[in-house]
Amino acid sequence: MMSFNVNGHIKRFAGQYGWYYVELNDSLTKELRPLVSSLWPALPKVELTINNTVWLSSIMPIKNGPLFVALPLKVRKAEGLDIGDKIKVSFELKV
């Protein structure tokens, strides 16, 4: 398995139902974008961890910009997270 760590601030897409997310840094985006492109329209599956919370999701692109991982409500509630919080997310690729 390939394991990675992301340190970033929680952001939210615009709109009433905008997703909460954290962007992958530039070097990690550059490293993983070829994988995302090769699987498209499928997305790379990952197992993510923040502190004691683990969930399954995908790495997703923001058009031609950075890659990101979504932070579901159940994860944010379990960890007491909100927009602007600095977090560390660990993840393993499941492809």
N, C-alpha and C. Protein backbone atom coordinates (compact mmCIF):
# COMPACT_ATOMS: atom_id res chain seq x y z
N MET A 1 0.83 -1.19 0.00
CA MET A 1 0.00 0.00 0.00
C MET A 1 0.87 1.25 0.00
N MET A 2 0.38 2.26 -0.69
CA MET A 2 1.07 3.55 -0.69
C MET A 2 0.39 4.43 0.34
N SER A 3 1.17 4.97 1.29
CA SER A 3 0.63 5.82 2.36
C SER A 3 1.12 7.25 2.19
N PHE A 4 0.24 8.19 2.53
CA PHE A 4 0.54 9.61 2.39
C PHE A 4 -0.02 10.38 3.57
N ASN A 5 0.54 11.57 3.80
CA ASN A 5 0.03 12.50 4.82
C ASN A 5 -0.21 13.85 4.17
N VAL A 6 -1.29 14.49 4.57
CA VAL A 6 -1.63 15.82 4.08
C VAL A 6 -1.86 16.72 5.28
N ASN A 7 -1.20 17.86 5.29
CA ASN A 7 -1.44 18.89 6.30
C ASN A 7 -2.08 20.07 5.58
N GLY A 8 -3.22 20.51 6.06
CA GLY A 8 -3.88 21.63 5.40
C GLY A 8 -5.01 22.18 6.24
N HIS A 9 -5.62 23.22 5.70
CA HIS A 9 -6.75 23.87 6.36
C HIS A 9 -8.04 23.41 5.70
N ILE A 10 -9.08 23.25 6.49
CA ILE A 10 -10.37 22.84 5.97
C ILE A 10 -10.98 24.00 5.20
N LYS A 11 -11.45 23.70 4.00
CA LYS A 11 -12.11 24.67 3.14
C LYS A 11 -13.51 24.16 2.83
N ARG A 12 -14.30 25.02 2.19
CA ARG A 12 -15.65 24.61 1.79
C ARG A 12 -15.95 25.20 0.42
N PHE A 13 -16.49 24.35 -0.47
CA PHE A 13 -16.91 24.84 -1.77
C PHE A 13 -18.10 25.79 -1.58
N ALA A 14 -18.21 26.75 -2.47
CA ALA A 14 -19.29 27.73 -2.40
C ALA A 14 -20.65 27.06 -2.58
N GLY A 15 -21.67 27.70 -2.07
CA GLY A 15 -23.03 27.21 -2.23
C GLY A 15 -23.59 26.65 -0.94
N GLN A 16 -24.89 26.56 -0.88
CA GLN A 16 -25.58 26.11 0.32
C GLN A 16 -25.15 24.71 0.75
N TYR A 17 -24.90 23.84 -0.21
CA TYR A 17 -24.54 22.46 0.11
C TYR A 17 -23.10 22.14 -0.27
N GLY A 18 -22.23 23.15 -0.24
CA GLY A 18 -20.83 22.96 -0.62
C GLY A 18 -20.11 21.98 0.30
N TRP A 19 -19.32 21.11 -0.31
CA TRP A 19 -18.55 20.12 0.45
C TRP A 19 -17.45 20.78 1.26
N TYR A 20 -17.15 20.21 2.40
CA TYR A 20 -15.97 20.55 3.18
C TYR A 20 -14.84 19.65 2.69
N TYR A 21 -13.64 20.19 2.61
CA TYR A 21 -12.55 19.40 2.04
C TYR A 21 -11.19 19.93 2.49
N VAL A 22 -10.17 19.14 2.19
CA VAL A 22 -8.79 19.58 2.37
C VAL A 22 -8.05 19.26 1.07
N GLU A 23 -7.28 20.24 0.59
CA GLU A 23 -6.51 20.07 -0.64
C GLU A 23 -5.23 19.31 -0.37
N LEU A 24 -4.82 18.50 -1.34
CA LEU A 24 -3.50 17.88 -1.29
C LEU A 24 -2.49 18.94 -1.69
N ASN A 25 -1.30 18.92 -1.09
CA ASN A 25 -0.30 19.93 -1.43
C ASN A 25 0.16 19.76 -2.88
N ASP A 26 0.88 20.75 -3.40
CA ASP A 26 1.28 20.76 -4.80
C ASP A 26 2.08 19.53 -5.21
N SER A 27 3.04 19.13 -4.38
CA SER A 27 3.89 17.99 -4.75
C SER A 27 3.09 16.69 -4.76
N LEU A 28 2.19 16.52 -3.82
CA LEU A 28 1.37 15.31 -3.78
C LEU A 28 0.36 15.31 -4.94
N THR A 29 -0.20 16.48 -5.26
CA THR A 29 -1.09 16.59 -6.42
C THR A 29 -0.34 16.20 -7.68
N LYS A 30 0.87 16.71 -7.83
CA LYS A 30 1.68 16.40 -9.02
C LYS A 30 1.98 14.90 -9.09
N GLU A 31 2.26 14.29 -7.95
CA GLU A 31 2.58 12.86 -7.91
C GLU A 31 1.36 11.99 -8.23
N LEU A 32 0.18 12.38 -7.74
CA LEU A 32 -1.00 11.52 -7.88
C LEU A 32 -1.89 11.86 -9.08
N ARG A 33 -1.71 13.04 -9.69
CA ARG A 33 -2.57 13.41 -10.83
C ARG A 33 -2.50 12.38 -11.96
N PRO A 34 -1.34 11.83 -12.33
CA PRO A 34 -1.34 10.81 -13.39
C PRO A 34 -2.22 9.60 -13.06
N LEU A 35 -2.24 9.20 -11.80
CA LEU A 35 -3.10 8.09 -11.38
C LEU A 35 -4.57 8.46 -11.55
N VAL A 36 -4.93 9.66 -11.10
CA VAL A 36 -6.31 10.12 -11.23
C VAL A 36 -6.70 10.15 -12.71
N SER A 37 -5.82 10.69 -13.56
CA SER A 37 -6.11 10.78 -14.99
C SER A 37 -6.25 9.41 -15.63
N SER A 38 -5.42 8.46 -15.21
CA SER A 38 -5.46 7.12 -15.81
C SER A 38 -6.72 6.35 -15.43
N LEU A 39 -7.31 6.66 -14.29
CA LEU A 39 -8.51 5.96 -13.83
C LEU A 39 -9.81 6.65 -14.26
N TRP A 40 -9.72 7.91 -14.69
CA TRP A 40 -10.89 8.72 -14.99
C TRP A 40 -11.80 8.01 -15.96
N PRO A 41 -13.12 7.93 -15.77
CA PRO A 41 -13.92 8.72 -14.84
C PRO A 41 -14.02 8.12 -13.44
N ALA A 42 -13.43 6.95 -13.23
CA ALA A 42 -13.39 6.42 -11.86
C ALA A 42 -12.39 7.27 -11.06
N LEU A 43 -12.46 7.17 -9.75
CA LEU A 43 -11.56 7.93 -8.89
C LEU A 43 -10.79 6.97 -7.99
N PRO A 44 -9.54 7.32 -7.65
CA PRO A 44 -8.75 6.45 -6.77
C PRO A 44 -9.40 6.34 -5.39
N LYS A 45 -9.60 5.12 -4.94
CA LYS A 45 -10.18 4.87 -3.62
C LYS A 45 -9.08 4.96 -2.57
N VAL A 46 -9.44 5.53 -1.42
CA VAL A 46 -8.48 5.70 -0.33
C VAL A 46 -9.15 5.41 1.01
N GLU A 47 -8.34 4.98 1.97
CA GLU A 47 -8.78 4.88 3.36
C GLU A 47 -8.10 6.02 4.09
N LEU A 48 -8.91 6.90 4.69
CA LEU A 48 -8.40 8.11 5.32
C LEU A 48 -8.51 8.02 6.84
N THR A 49 -7.59 8.72 7.51
CA THR A 49 -7.60 8.76 8.97
C THR A 49 -7.30 10.18 9.45
N ILE A 50 -8.14 10.65 10.36
CA ILE A 50 -7.86 11.88 11.12
C ILE A 50 -7.98 11.47 12.58
N ASN A 51 -6.90 11.55 13.31
CA ASN A 51 -6.87 11.14 14.71
C ASN A 51 -7.40 9.72 14.86
N ASN A 52 -8.58 9.53 15.48
CA ASN A 52 -9.14 8.19 15.68
C ASN A 52 -10.26 7.85 14.70
N THR A 53 -10.51 8.72 13.73
CA THR A 53 -11.61 8.51 12.79
C THR A 53 -11.08 8.01 11.46
N VAL A 54 -11.65 6.90 10.98
CA VAL A 54 -11.24 6.28 9.73
C VAL A 54 -12.47 6.16 8.82
N TRP A 55 -12.30 6.48 7.54
CA TRP A 55 -13.40 6.33 6.59
C TRP A 55 -12.83 6.07 5.19
N LEU A 56 -13.68 5.57 4.30
CA LEU A 56 -13.31 5.31 2.91
C LEU A 56 -13.87 6.41 2.03
N SER A 57 -13.09 6.83 1.04
CA SER A 57 -13.53 7.87 0.12
C SER A 57 -12.69 7.78 -1.15
N SER A 58 -12.61 8.88 -1.88
CA SER A 58 -11.82 8.96 -3.11
C SER A 58 -11.03 10.25 -3.13
N ILE A 59 -9.97 10.25 -3.92
CA ILE A 59 -9.24 11.48 -4.22
C ILE A 59 -9.92 12.08 -5.43
N MET A 60 -10.23 13.38 -5.37
CA MET A 60 -10.96 14.03 -6.44
C MET A 60 -10.20 15.26 -6.93
N PRO A 61 -10.38 15.60 -8.21
CA PRO A 61 -9.72 16.80 -8.76
C PRO A 61 -10.61 18.02 -8.69
N ILE A 62 -9.98 19.18 -8.54
CA ILE A 62 -10.66 20.46 -8.71
C ILE A 62 -10.23 20.95 -10.10
N LYS A 63 -10.98 20.54 -11.12
CA LYS A 63 -10.66 20.82 -12.53
C LYS A 63 -9.19 20.49 -12.77
N ASN A 64 -8.40 21.45 -13.25
CA ASN A 64 -6.97 21.20 -13.48
C ASN A 64 -6.11 21.68 -12.32
N GLY A 65 -6.75 22.02 -11.22
CA GLY A 65 -6.04 22.50 -10.04
C GLY A 65 -5.66 21.37 -9.11
N PRO A 66 -5.68 21.64 -7.82
CA PRO A 66 -5.25 20.64 -6.85
C PRO A 66 -6.23 19.47 -6.73
N LEU A 67 -5.74 18.38 -6.19
CA LEU A 67 -6.59 17.26 -5.81
C LEU A 67 -7.07 17.53 -4.39
N PHE A 68 -8.16 16.87 -3.99
CA PHE A 68 -8.67 17.08 -2.64
C PHE A 68 -9.35 15.83 -2.13
N VAL A 69 -9.57 15.79 -0.81
CA VAL A 69 -10.40 14.75 -0.20
C VAL A 69 -11.51 15.46 0.57
N ALA A 70 -12.72 14.92 0.41
CA ALA A 70 -13.89 15.49 1.09
C ALA A 70 -13.90 15.07 2.55
N LEU A 71 -14.44 15.92 3.40
CA LEU A 71 -14.54 15.65 4.83
C LEU A 71 -16.03 15.59 5.20
N PRO A 72 -16.59 14.38 5.25
CA PRO A 72 -18.02 14.23 5.55
C PRO A 72 -18.39 14.77 6.93
N LEU A 73 -19.67 15.07 7.09
CA LEU A 73 -20.19 15.59 8.35
C LEU A 73 -19.85 14.68 9.51
N LYS A 74 -20.02 13.36 9.35
CA LYS A 74 -19.76 12.44 10.46
C LYS A 74 -18.30 12.52 10.93
N VAL A 75 -17.37 12.76 10.00
CA VAL A 75 -15.96 12.89 10.36
C VAL A 75 -15.74 14.22 11.07
N ARG A 76 -16.29 15.30 10.52
CA ARG A 76 -16.12 16.62 11.15
C ARG A 76 -16.71 16.64 12.55
N LYS A 77 -17.88 16.03 12.72
CA LYS A 77 -18.50 15.98 14.06
C LYS A 77 -17.67 15.15 15.02
N ALA A 78 -17.21 13.99 14.57
CA ALA A 78 -16.44 13.10 15.45
C ALA A 78 -15.15 13.76 15.92
N GLU A 79 -14.56 14.59 15.08
CA GLU A 79 -13.28 15.22 15.40
C GLU A 79 -13.42 16.69 15.80
N GLY A 80 -14.65 17.22 15.81
CA GLY A 80 -14.86 18.62 16.20
C GLY A 80 -14.19 19.61 15.25
N LEU A 81 -14.34 19.38 13.94
CA LEU A 81 -13.65 20.19 12.93
C LEU A 81 -14.59 21.15 12.23
N ASP A 82 -14.02 22.28 11.76
CA ASP A 82 -14.79 23.26 11.02
C ASP A 82 -13.88 23.99 10.04
N ILE A 83 -14.47 24.82 9.21
CA ILE A 83 -13.73 25.59 8.20
C ILE A 83 -12.58 26.34 8.87
N GLY A 84 -11.42 26.29 8.23
CA GLY A 84 -10.26 27.01 8.71
C GLY A 84 -9.37 26.22 9.65
N ASP A 85 -9.89 25.14 10.23
CA ASP A 85 -9.07 24.33 11.14
C ASP A 85 -7.91 23.69 10.38
N LYS A 86 -6.74 23.69 10.99
CA LYS A 86 -5.58 23.01 10.42
C LYS A 86 -5.63 21.56 10.86
N ILE A 87 -5.51 20.64 9.87
CA ILE A 87 -5.61 19.23 10.19
C ILE A 87 -4.52 18.43 9.48
N LYS A 88 -4.30 17.23 9.99
CA LYS A 88 -3.43 16.26 9.33
C LYS A 88 -4.30 15.07 8.96
N VAL A 89 -4.29 14.73 7.67
CA VAL A 89 -5.04 13.59 7.16
C VAL A 89 -4.02 12.59 6.63
N SER A 90 -4.13 11.35 7.09
CA SER A 90 -3.31 10.26 6.56
C SER A 90 -4.20 9.42 5.67
N PHE A 91 -3.63 8.92 4.56
CA PHE A 91 -4.44 8.03 3.72
C PHE A 91 -3.59 7.01 3.00
N GLU A 92 -4.25 5.90 2.67
CA GLU A 92 -3.64 4.82 1.91
C GLU A 92 -4.45 4.62 0.63
N LEU A 93 -3.75 4.49 -0.49
CA LEU A 93 -4.42 4.18 -1.74
C LEU A 93 -4.90 2.75 -1.72
N LYS A 94 -6.09 2.52 -2.25
CA LYS A 94 -6.69 1.18 -2.29
C LYS A 94 -6.89 0.72 -3.74
N VAL A 95 -6.07 1.23 -4.68
CA VAL A 95 -6.22 0.85 -6.10
C VAL A 95 -5.48 -0.43 -6.39
